[in-house]
Protein backbone atom coordinates (compact mmCIF):
# COMPACT_ATOMS: atom_id res chain seq x y z
CA UNK A 1 -33.21 -103.09 -22.38
CA UNK A 2 -34.78 -105.77 -24.57
CA UNK A 3 -32.12 -108.29 -23.68
CA UNK A 4 -32.45 -107.49 -19.98
CA UNK A 5 -36.18 -108.17 -20.23
CA UNK A 6 -35.45 -111.46 -22.01
CA UNK A 7 -33.24 -112.57 -19.10
CA UNK A 8 -35.93 -111.54 -16.61
CA UNK A 9 -38.58 -113.50 -18.51
CA UNK A 10 -36.44 -116.64 -18.81
CA UNK A 11 -35.55 -116.47 -15.11
CA UNK A 12 -39.23 -116.36 -14.21
CA UNK A 13 -39.96 -119.37 -16.42
CA UNK A 14 -37.00 -121.25 -14.94
CA UNK A 15 -38.16 -120.69 -11.38
CA UNK A 16 -41.62 -122.02 -12.25
CA UNK A 17 -40.17 -125.17 -13.83
CA UNK A 18 -37.73 -126.09 -11.04
CA UNK A 19 -37.78 -129.50 -9.36
CA UNK A 20 -35.77 -131.36 -6.71
CA UNK A 21 -33.67 -134.50 -7.13
CA UNK A 22 -35.98 -136.67 -5.04
CA UNK A 23 -38.90 -135.62 -7.26
CA UNK A 24 -37.21 -137.53 -10.07
CA UNK A 25 -35.27 -140.36 -8.41
CA UNK A 26 -34.95 -140.98 -4.66
CA UNK A 27 -31.39 -142.00 -3.80
CA UNK A 28 -32.31 -145.65 -3.05
CA UNK A 29 -34.78 -146.12 -5.93
CA UNK A 30 -34.10 -148.97 -8.35
CA UNK A 31 -34.62 -148.94 -12.12
CA UNK A 32 -36.86 -151.47 -13.87
CA UNK A 33 -34.55 -153.44 -16.16
CA UNK A 34 -37.48 -155.41 -17.59
CA UNK A 35 -38.32 -152.33 -19.68
CA UNK A 36 -36.46 -150.33 -22.30
CA UNK A 37 -34.89 -147.07 -21.15
CA UNK A 38 -34.42 -145.36 -24.52
CA UNK A 39 -36.71 -144.94 -27.58
CA UNK A 40 -35.86 -146.76 -30.79
CA UNK A 41 -35.45 -143.54 -32.76
CA UNK A 42 -32.37 -142.77 -30.66
CA UNK A 43 -30.75 -146.20 -30.20
CA UNK A 44 -32.05 -148.44 -33.03
CA UNK A 45 -31.52 -151.58 -30.95
CA UNK A 46 -34.68 -153.33 -32.22
CA UNK A 47 -33.17 -153.29 -35.70
CA UNK A 48 -30.42 -155.80 -34.84
CA UNK A 49 -31.43 -159.17 -36.31
CA UNK A 50 -28.92 -161.31 -34.43
CA UNK A 51 -30.19 -160.34 -30.98
CA UNK A 52 -33.31 -161.75 -29.37
CA UNK A 53 -35.72 -159.44 -27.56
CA UNK A 54 -33.99 -159.78 -24.19
CA UNK A 55 -30.61 -159.08 -25.78
CA UNK A 56 -32.00 -156.08 -27.65
CA UNK A 57 -33.27 -154.75 -24.33
CA UNK A 58 -29.84 -155.28 -22.78
CA UNK A 59 -28.25 -153.27 -25.58
CA UNK A 60 -30.93 -150.62 -25.07
CA UNK A 61 -29.87 -150.37 -21.41
CA UNK A 62 -26.22 -150.03 -22.39
CA UNK A 63 -27.15 -147.21 -24.78
CA UNK A 64 -29.02 -145.54 -21.91
CA UNK A 65 -25.86 -145.79 -19.81
CA UNK A 66 -24.05 -143.98 -22.62
CA UNK A 67 -26.73 -141.27 -22.56
CA UNK A 68 -26.23 -140.77 -18.82
CA UNK A 69 -22.47 -140.51 -19.26
CA UNK A 70 -22.69 -138.19 -22.26
CA UNK A 71 -24.91 -135.65 -20.55
CA UNK A 72 -22.96 -135.75 -17.32
CA UNK A 73 -19.78 -134.96 -19.27
CA UNK A 74 -21.55 -132.15 -21.11
CA UNK A 75 -23.00 -130.64 -17.94
CA UNK A 76 -19.54 -130.69 -16.37
CA UNK A 77 -18.14 -128.30 -18.97
CA UNK A 78 -21.33 -126.22 -19.22
CA UNK A 79 -21.17 -125.35 -15.52
CA UNK A 80 -17.75 -123.61 -15.53
CA UNK A 81 -18.53 -122.03 -18.92
CA UNK A 82 -21.65 -120.33 -17.56
CA UNK A 83 -19.88 -119.22 -14.39
CA UNK A 84 -17.01 -117.75 -16.42
CA UNK A 85 -19.51 -115.87 -18.57
CA UNK A 86 -21.39 -114.54 -15.54
CA UNK A 87 -18.36 -113.43 -13.50
CA UNK A 88 -17.64 -110.15 -15.39
CA UNK A 89 -21.31 -109.13 -15.02
CA UNK A 90 -21.67 -109.48 -11.25
CA UNK A 91 -21.98 -105.72 -10.76
CA UNK A 92 -24.19 -105.12 -13.79
CA UNK A 93 -27.69 -106.25 -14.80
CA UNK A 94 -29.28 -108.02 -11.81
CA UNK A 95 -31.70 -110.14 -13.83
CA UNK A 96 -28.97 -111.26 -16.21
CA UNK A 97 -26.72 -112.28 -13.31
CA UNK A 98 -29.56 -114.03 -11.47
CA UNK A 99 -30.60 -115.90 -14.61
CA UNK A 100 -27.04 -117.04 -15.33
CA UNK A 101 -26.35 -118.09 -11.74
CA UNK A 102 -29.65 -119.97 -11.67
CA UNK A 103 -28.59 -121.61 -14.96
CA UNK A 104 -25.34 -122.72 -13.29
CA UNK A 105 -27.16 -123.96 -10.19
CA UNK A 106 -29.48 -126.09 -12.31
CA UNK A 107 -26.55 -127.51 -14.29
CA UNK A 108 -24.93 -128.56 -11.00
CA UNK A 109 -28.22 -130.26 -10.07
CA UNK A 110 -28.28 -132.05 -13.44
CA UNK A 111 -24.79 -133.41 -12.78
CA UNK A 112 -26.08 -134.82 -9.48
CA UNK A 113 -29.13 -136.25 -11.24
CA UNK A 114 -27.16 -138.07 -13.93
CA UNK A 115 -24.75 -139.38 -11.29
CA UNK A 116 -27.67 -140.66 -9.22
CA UNK A 117 -29.14 -142.49 -12.22
CA UNK A 118 -25.69 -143.87 -13.10
CA UNK A 119 -25.40 -145.27 -9.58
CA UNK A 120 -28.85 -146.86 -9.83
CA UNK A 121 -27.88 -148.29 -13.21
CA UNK A 122 -24.66 -149.80 -11.81
CA UNK A 123 -26.62 -151.41 -8.94
CA UNK A 124 -29.00 -153.16 -11.31
CA UNK A 125 -26.96 -154.00 -14.42
CA UNK A 126 -25.02 -157.30 -14.45
CA UNK A 127 -21.71 -155.96 -15.80
CA UNK A 128 -19.69 -152.76 -15.63
CA UNK A 129 -20.09 -150.56 -18.71
CA UNK A 130 -16.92 -148.72 -19.73
CA UNK A 131 -17.03 -145.16 -21.03
CA UNK A 132 -14.76 -143.42 -23.51
CA UNK A 133 -12.13 -140.94 -22.40
CA UNK A 134 -11.60 -138.78 -19.34
CA UNK A 135 -14.37 -136.26 -18.54
CA UNK A 136 -11.84 -133.96 -16.90
CA UNK A 137 -9.52 -133.89 -19.93
CA UNK A 138 -12.47 -133.41 -22.27
CA UNK A 139 -13.73 -130.48 -20.19
CA UNK A 140 -10.34 -128.77 -20.38
CA UNK A 141 -10.13 -129.43 -24.11
CA UNK A 142 -13.57 -127.94 -24.81
CA UNK A 143 -13.05 -124.89 -22.60
CA UNK A 144 -9.72 -124.13 -24.31
CA UNK A 145 -11.69 -123.13 -27.42
CA UNK A 146 -13.17 -119.76 -28.31
CA UNK A 147 -16.05 -118.93 -25.92
CA UNK A 148 -18.47 -118.48 -28.84
CA UNK A 149 -17.55 -121.92 -30.21
CA UNK A 150 -18.27 -123.36 -26.77
CA UNK A 151 -21.55 -121.44 -26.53
CA UNK A 152 -22.66 -122.81 -29.90
CA UNK A 153 -21.74 -126.34 -28.83
CA UNK A 154 -23.74 -125.98 -25.63
CA UNK A 155 -26.66 -124.48 -27.52
CA UNK A 156 -26.88 -127.31 -30.03
CA UNK A 157 -26.80 -129.91 -27.25
CA UNK A 158 -29.53 -128.12 -25.31
CA UNK A 159 -31.82 -127.98 -28.33
CA UNK A 160 -30.94 -131.63 -28.99
CA UNK A 161 -32.28 -132.64 -25.56
CA UNK A 162 -35.50 -130.81 -26.43
CA UNK A 163 -35.88 -132.72 -29.68
CA UNK A 164 -35.16 -136.04 -28.01
CA UNK A 165 -37.94 -135.64 -25.47
CA UNK A 166 -40.59 -134.03 -27.65
CA UNK A 167 -40.06 -136.14 -30.77
CA UNK A 168 -39.07 -139.54 -29.40
CA UNK A 169 -39.62 -139.91 -25.65
CA UNK A 170 -42.74 -138.06 -24.50
CA UNK A 171 -45.26 -140.31 -26.29
CA UNK A 172 -43.36 -143.60 -25.90
CA UNK A 173 -45.36 -145.68 -23.41
CA UNK A 174 -42.93 -148.62 -23.38
CA UNK A 175 -40.09 -146.94 -21.47
CA UNK A 176 -39.21 -147.37 -17.80
CA UNK A 177 -41.21 -144.60 -16.06
CA UNK A 178 -38.26 -143.54 -13.92
CA UNK A 179 -35.91 -143.16 -16.88
CA UNK A 180 -38.65 -141.36 -18.77
CA UNK A 181 -39.05 -139.04 -15.78
CA UNK A 182 -35.32 -138.25 -15.92
CA UNK A 183 -35.59 -137.25 -19.55
CA UNK A 184 -38.75 -135.23 -18.94
CA UNK A 185 -37.33 -133.25 -16.02
CA UNK A 186 -34.07 -132.65 -17.86
CA UNK A 187 -36.11 -131.34 -20.80
CA UNK A 188 -38.11 -129.00 -18.54
CA UNK A 189 -35.08 -127.05 -17.35
CA UNK A 190 -33.00 -127.33 -20.52
CA UNK A 191 -35.82 -125.56 -22.38
CA UNK A 192 -34.94 -122.43 -20.40
CA UNK A 193 -31.20 -123.04 -20.65
CA UNK A 194 -31.42 -123.11 -24.44
CA UNK A 195 -33.00 -119.65 -24.42
CA UNK A 196 -30.30 -118.34 -22.11
CA UNK A 197 -27.49 -119.84 -24.13
CA UNK A 198 -28.92 -118.30 -27.31
CA UNK A 199 -28.63 -114.93 -25.54
CA UNK A 200 -25.06 -115.76 -24.48
CA UNK A 201 -24.12 -116.72 -28.04
CA UNK A 202 -25.64 -113.55 -29.47
CA UNK A 203 -23.73 -111.44 -26.93
CA UNK A 204 -20.43 -113.18 -27.67
CA UNK A 205 -20.97 -112.76 -31.44
CA UNK A 206 -21.56 -109.00 -31.30
CA UNK A 207 -19.03 -106.95 -33.26
CA UNK A 208 -17.23 -109.93 -34.80
CA UNK A 209 -16.46 -109.86 -38.51
CA UNK A 210 -16.74 -112.84 -40.86
CA UNK A 211 -13.05 -113.69 -40.52
CA UNK A 212 -13.44 -114.04 -36.73
CA UNK A 213 -16.68 -115.98 -37.13
CA UNK A 214 -15.00 -118.44 -39.49
CA UNK A 215 -12.35 -119.09 -36.85
CA UNK A 216 -15.18 -119.70 -34.37
CA UNK A 217 -16.72 -122.20 -36.80
CA UNK A 218 -13.41 -124.02 -37.21
CA UNK A 219 -13.20 -124.39 -33.45
CA UNK A 220 -16.85 -125.45 -33.26
CA UNK A 221 -16.11 -128.25 -35.74
CA UNK A 222 -13.04 -129.25 -33.72
CA UNK A 223 -15.27 -129.75 -30.66
CA UNK A 224 -17.82 -131.65 -32.75
CA UNK A 225 -15.03 -133.86 -34.13
CA UNK A 226 -13.90 -134.66 -30.59
CA UNK A 227 -17.47 -135.64 -29.69
CA UNK A 228 -17.66 -137.77 -32.82
CA UNK A 229 -14.40 -139.55 -32.02
CA UNK A 230 -15.75 -140.38 -28.57
CA UNK A 231 -18.92 -141.82 -30.09
CA UNK A 232 -16.87 -144.14 -32.30
CA UNK A 233 -14.92 -145.49 -29.32
CA UNK A 234 -18.09 -145.73 -27.21
CA UNK A 235 -19.85 -147.87 -29.85
CA UNK A 236 -17.09 -150.46 -29.51
CA UNK A 237 -17.19 -150.33 -25.72
CA UNK A 238 -20.96 -150.79 -25.80
CA UNK A 239 -20.74 -153.92 -27.94
CA UNK A 240 -18.04 -155.33 -25.65
CA UNK A 241 -20.32 -154.68 -22.65
CA UNK A 242 -23.21 -156.34 -24.48
CA UNK A 243 -21.20 -159.50 -25.09
CA UNK A 244 -20.21 -159.69 -21.42
CA UNK A 245 -23.79 -159.09 -20.32
CA UNK A 246 -25.40 -161.72 -22.57
CA UNK A 247 -22.60 -164.24 -22.06
CA UNK A 248 -21.81 -164.84 -25.74
CA UNK A 249 -19.96 -163.32 -28.65
CA UNK A 250 -21.89 -161.53 -31.35
CA UNK A 251 -20.88 -162.74 -34.82
CA UNK A 252 -19.12 -160.04 -36.82
CA UNK A 253 -19.23 -157.46 -34.02
CA UNK A 254 -17.76 -154.82 -36.34
CA UNK A 255 -21.09 -154.61 -38.14
CA UNK A 256 -22.96 -154.01 -34.91
CA UNK A 257 -20.40 -151.43 -33.84
CA UNK A 258 -20.87 -149.60 -37.16
CA UNK A 259 -24.67 -149.71 -36.82
CA UNK A 260 -24.59 -148.39 -33.25
CA UNK A 261 -22.05 -145.71 -34.16
CA UNK A 262 -24.37 -144.53 -36.95
CA UNK A 263 -27.28 -144.40 -34.50
CA UNK A 264 -25.33 -142.41 -31.91
CA UNK A 265 -24.00 -139.98 -34.51
CA UNK A 266 -27.57 -138.97 -35.30
CA UNK A 267 -28.63 -138.95 -31.64
CA UNK A 268 -25.77 -136.80 -30.35
CA UNK A 269 -24.69 -134.81 -33.42
CA UNK A 270 -27.13 -134.84 -36.33
CA UNK A 271 -30.28 -134.16 -34.33
CA UNK A 272 -28.42 -131.28 -32.63
CA UNK A 273 -26.73 -129.66 -35.62
CA UNK A 274 -29.87 -129.70 -37.76
CA UNK A 275 -32.29 -128.54 -35.04
CA UNK A 276 -34.27 -125.60 -36.43
CA UNK A 277 -33.77 -123.43 -33.34
CA UNK A 278 -30.01 -124.01 -33.28
CA UNK A 279 -29.90 -123.26 -36.97
CA UNK A 280 -31.94 -120.08 -36.45
CA UNK A 281 -29.46 -118.71 -33.90
CA UNK A 282 -26.49 -119.70 -36.02
CA UNK A 283 -28.10 -118.13 -39.09
CA UNK A 284 -28.51 -114.85 -37.21
CA UNK A 285 -24.82 -114.92 -36.24
CA UNK A 286 -23.28 -116.33 -39.42
CA UNK A 287 -25.38 -117.53 -42.37
CA UNK A 288 -22.23 -119.02 -43.84
CA UNK A 289 -21.60 -120.95 -40.63
CA UNK A 290 -25.17 -122.27 -40.57
CA UNK A 291 -24.79 -123.57 -44.12
CA UNK A 292 -21.44 -125.15 -43.25
CA UNK A 293 -23.02 -127.08 -40.36
CA UNK A 294 -25.81 -128.49 -42.53
CA UNK A 295 -23.30 -129.39 -45.24
CA UNK A 296 -21.07 -131.16 -42.70
CA UNK A 297 -23.98 -133.32 -41.50
CA UNK A 298 -24.86 -134.21 -45.09
CA UNK A 299 -21.28 -135.00 -46.10
CA UNK A 300 -20.81 -137.20 -43.01
CA UNK A 301 -23.91 -139.21 -43.95
CA UNK A 302 -25.52 -138.63 -40.54
CA UNK A 303 -29.19 -139.54 -40.89
CA UNK A 304 -32.16 -140.22 -38.57
CA UNK A 305 -33.57 -143.70 -38.05
CA UNK A 306 -36.09 -144.77 -40.70
CA UNK A 307 -39.74 -144.43 -39.72
CA UNK A 308 -40.07 -148.19 -40.16
CA UNK A 309 -37.56 -150.32 -38.24
CA UNK A 310 -35.29 -152.11 -40.69
CA UNK A 311 -33.68 -155.24 -39.31
CA UNK A 312 -29.88 -155.12 -39.53
CA UNK A 313 -27.87 -158.31 -39.82
CA UNK A 314 -24.63 -158.36 -37.88
CA UNK A 315 -23.57 -161.78 -39.18
CA UNK A 316 -22.68 -162.78 -42.72
CA UNK A 317 -25.65 -163.70 -44.90
């Protein structure tokens, strides 16, 4: 009964927070490339000593393109996951089914939103930005894992989007208003999705012993490792796109690749795996698993950007 009420309450909140695509970005709207799209806490582009301000902004835009691609890929495996979870319940709790189907509908809308922004980005950016891997293959790979491992992956990413907006984006007045609007509206609906996915994860964890939960954690880390591998490749692709866009080679590009890889590891993994709400759900399911996640972040050396921007040389001193 309590869980049914929770679904009813989240559904009501979701319906109040809903928006339409044109509220965020009309199909023919252009982005303002004279402004940054992403906050420094997430991309660390202002820290690169060998780039002038215009070049730092260009790298910022390329990082924003990565953000669009990342979330579109994520939404594309979240959608079938939610539908698969809802299908066995179609003749059961009405509020649960309605909440889950509304969740899926909003994820489909988010895919459209990120595609629309990607199209606007491509219209205004001087070069084509490559992205790592095949979204279709990645979707199949993720969904081949244990449903609880997938639910935990989705949950950490949803709480991550909350942290990004509230801690880094909301109060940053230097960002392109349209890109900031994207991040705000995504945050508005993902706040409800995170609550729903916590309920999904708790349901999928019921009755599982520690041996089963440890297998879930192994598969969770396999998904996280796949995400991490994609971030490493994407950092190289981003630097290659930067060099094409600014019309020159960056000395010692390997150093810039390493710096941008470190930034994206925090943005897409560290900030998610250490989020207090993700940790709270994981702790309720498997305290051992929660500790393993925090230990993995520490051992990997994944850290947030310093409060004060430290300039990073990408050429030999």
